[in-house]
Amino acid sequence: MSLFRVVLDTNVLVAASRSRTGASYAVLQAWRSGRFKALVSVPLMLEYEAVLNRPEQLAASGRSIAMNHAFLDAMCLLIESVHLHYLLRPQLRDPSDEMVLETALNGRASGIVTLNGRDFDAASDFRMSVTTPGAFLRQLTKENL
């Protein structure tokens, strides 16, 4: 059985940082335990850092910048780095989501995990699966049965 290879949208990390009871946090725990492989490109990692370190995110999550840096450093130990050989812009309504799709396509991911699936309508043109954290967890559970 091969591991799922997915790209996590930034909103999944934000949701996980704000609540330990939601599906986004459970996805990070599943990743940490090796149940799937997360793919990240340099632009996407920089977005993770920029968004998680916004003042409103720090206040909502109760984290400090140093805590976020430690979290991102730990992430780097688990990720599969993706080099962006080709860019496909524009494909999506939100230009900041382009790097998520490009990382998934360049990394030959199984799919994208996001809380905003409608933002990735064009992913179907590339036969790229887009799923919510909850649906992804159910998929992981089904694969492990």
Protein backbone atom coordinates (compact mmCIF):
# COMPACT_ATOMS: atom_id res chain seq x y z
CA MET A 1 0.00 0.00 0.00
CA SER A 2 1.49 3.35 -1.03
CA LEU A 3 1.02 6.49 1.00
CA PHE A 4 -1.22 9.29 -0.17
CA ARG A 5 0.83 12.27 -1.34
CA VAL A 6 -1.08 15.49 -0.72
CA VAL A 7 -0.62 19.23 -0.58
CA LEU A 8 -2.14 20.95 2.44
CA ASP A 9 -3.68 24.33 1.74
CA THR A 10 -2.63 27.07 4.13
CA ASN A 11 -6.13 27.25 5.60
CA VAL A 12 -5.71 23.71 6.97
CA LEU A 13 -2.66 24.80 8.97
CA VAL A 14 -4.47 27.92 10.17
CA ALA A 15 -7.48 25.90 11.33
CA ALA A 16 -5.23 23.37 13.07
CA SER A 17 -3.37 26.17 14.87
CA ARG A 18 -6.66 27.58 16.17
CA SER A 19 -8.29 24.36 17.38
CA ARG A 20 -7.07 20.97 18.53
CA THR A 21 -10.54 19.46 18.18
CA GLY A 22 -11.14 19.83 14.44
CA ALA A 23 -10.41 17.71 11.41
CA SER A 24 -7.53 19.96 10.33
CA TYR A 25 -5.65 19.25 13.54
CA ALA A 26 -6.39 15.52 13.15
CA VAL A 27 -4.94 15.66 9.62
CA LEU A 28 -1.70 17.10 11.01
CA GLN A 29 -1.60 14.36 13.63
CA ALA A 30 -2.11 11.71 10.93
CA TRP A 31 0.71 13.27 8.93
CA ARG A 32 2.97 13.33 11.99
CA SER A 33 2.32 9.63 12.53
CA GLY A 34 3.31 8.85 8.93
CA ARG A 35 -0.11 8.01 7.51
CA PHE A 36 0.46 10.19 4.42
CA LYS A 37 3.15 12.28 2.78
CA ALA A 38 2.77 16.07 2.57
CA LEU A 39 4.32 17.90 -0.36
CA VAL A 40 5.52 21.50 -0.07
CA SER A 41 7.30 23.91 -2.42
CA VAL A 42 9.39 26.87 -1.30
CA PRO A 43 6.70 29.45 -2.24
CA LEU A 44 4.07 27.46 -0.35
CA MET A 45 6.28 27.14 2.75
CA LEU A 46 6.85 30.89 2.66
CA GLU A 47 3.10 31.43 2.50
CA TYR A 48 2.58 29.10 5.47
CA GLU A 49 5.06 31.19 7.44
CA ALA A 50 3.64 34.57 6.37
CA VAL A 51 0.03 33.62 7.13
CA LEU A 52 0.71 31.86 10.44
CA ASN A 53 2.74 34.86 11.63
CA ARG A 54 0.07 37.47 10.89
CA PRO A 55 -0.86 39.35 14.09
CA GLU A 56 -4.50 38.21 13.93
CA GLN A 57 -3.43 34.57 13.52
CA LEU A 58 -0.98 34.80 16.40
CA ALA A 59 -3.70 36.26 18.62
CA ALA A 60 -6.29 33.64 17.62
CA SER A 61 -3.91 30.68 17.96
CA GLY A 62 -2.17 31.83 21.14
CA ARG A 63 1.17 31.13 19.48
CA SER A 64 4.27 33.27 19.24
CA ILE A 65 6.38 33.76 16.14
CA ALA A 66 9.05 31.58 17.76
CA MET A 67 6.49 28.78 18.28
CA ASN A 68 5.43 29.02 14.64
CA HIS A 69 9.05 28.87 13.50
CA ALA A 70 9.60 25.76 15.62
CA PHE A 71 6.44 24.21 14.13
CA LEU A 72 7.54 25.01 10.56
CA ASP A 73 11.06 23.71 11.25
CA ALA A 74 9.55 20.44 12.47
CA MET A 75 7.35 20.35 9.37
CA CYS A 76 10.44 20.53 7.19
CA LEU A 77 11.63 17.24 8.68
CA LEU A 78 8.49 15.47 7.46
CA ILE A 79 7.73 17.07 4.10
CA GLU A 80 8.66 16.08 0.62
CA SER A 81 10.07 19.14 -1.07
CA VAL A 82 8.74 19.89 -4.54
CA HIS A 83 10.67 21.87 -7.11
CA LEU A 84 8.36 23.86 -9.37
CA HIS A 85 9.48 22.91 -12.87
CA TYR A 86 6.50 24.52 -14.53
CA LEU A 87 3.91 27.15 -13.63
CA LEU A 88 0.35 27.04 -14.92
CA ARG A 89 -0.96 30.48 -14.05
CA PRO A 90 -3.63 31.66 -14.20
CA GLN A 91 -5.96 28.75 -13.45
CA LEU A 92 -7.76 29.72 -10.23
CA ARG A 93 -9.87 32.64 -9.05
CA ASP A 94 -7.54 33.39 -6.14
CA PRO A 95 -3.94 33.99 -7.27
CA SER A 96 -2.61 32.96 -3.85
CA ASP A 97 -4.02 29.45 -4.41
CA GLU A 98 -2.04 28.99 -7.63
CA MET A 99 1.05 27.81 -5.74
CA VAL A 100 -0.99 25.09 -4.01
CA LEU A 101 -2.17 23.70 -7.35
CA GLU A 102 1.30 24.06 -8.90
CA THR A 103 2.91 22.24 -5.97
CA ALA A 104 0.38 19.42 -6.28
CA LEU A 105 0.87 19.06 -10.04
CA ASN A 106 4.66 19.34 -9.97
CA GLY A 107 4.86 16.88 -7.07
CA ARG A 108 2.44 14.42 -8.68
CA ALA A 109 0.24 14.56 -5.61
CA SER A 110 -2.81 12.39 -5.05
CA GLY A 111 -4.73 15.52 -4.14
CA ILE A 112 -5.15 18.79 -2.31
CA VAL A 113 -6.61 19.05 1.19
CA THR A 114 -8.38 22.37 1.74
CA LEU A 115 -11.30 24.00 3.51
CA ASN A 116 -12.12 25.94 0.32
CA GLY A 117 -12.73 23.34 -2.36
CA ARG A 118 -14.65 25.75 -4.57
CA ASP A 119 -11.46 27.79 -4.96
CA PHE A 120 -9.89 24.82 -6.75
CA ASP A 121 -12.54 24.10 -9.40
CA ALA A 122 -9.87 24.15 -12.14
CA ALA A 123 -8.02 21.27 -10.43
CA SER A 124 -10.47 18.85 -12.03
CA ASP A 125 -9.11 19.90 -15.44
CA PHE A 126 -5.86 18.24 -14.33
CA ARG A 127 -7.59 15.25 -12.70
CA MET A 128 -6.44 16.53 -9.32
CA SER A 129 -8.53 15.46 -6.33
CA VAL A 130 -9.60 18.22 -3.93
CA THR A 131 -11.01 17.23 -0.55
CA THR A 132 -11.77 18.62 2.88
CA PRO A 133 -9.79 17.59 5.97
CA GLY A 134 -12.73 15.53 7.24
CA ALA A 135 -13.20 13.68 3.96
CA PHE A 136 -9.46 13.09 3.72
CA LEU A 137 -9.42 11.57 7.23
CA ARG A 138 -12.28 9.23 6.24
CA GLN A 139 -10.29 8.24 3.14
CA LEU A 140 -7.21 7.51 5.26
CA THR A 141 -9.29 5.40 7.63
CA LYS A 142 -10.85 3.44 4.76
CA GLU A 143 -7.39 2.74 3.29
CA ASN A 144 -6.17 1.37 6.63
CA LEU A 145 -9.01 -1.13 7.01
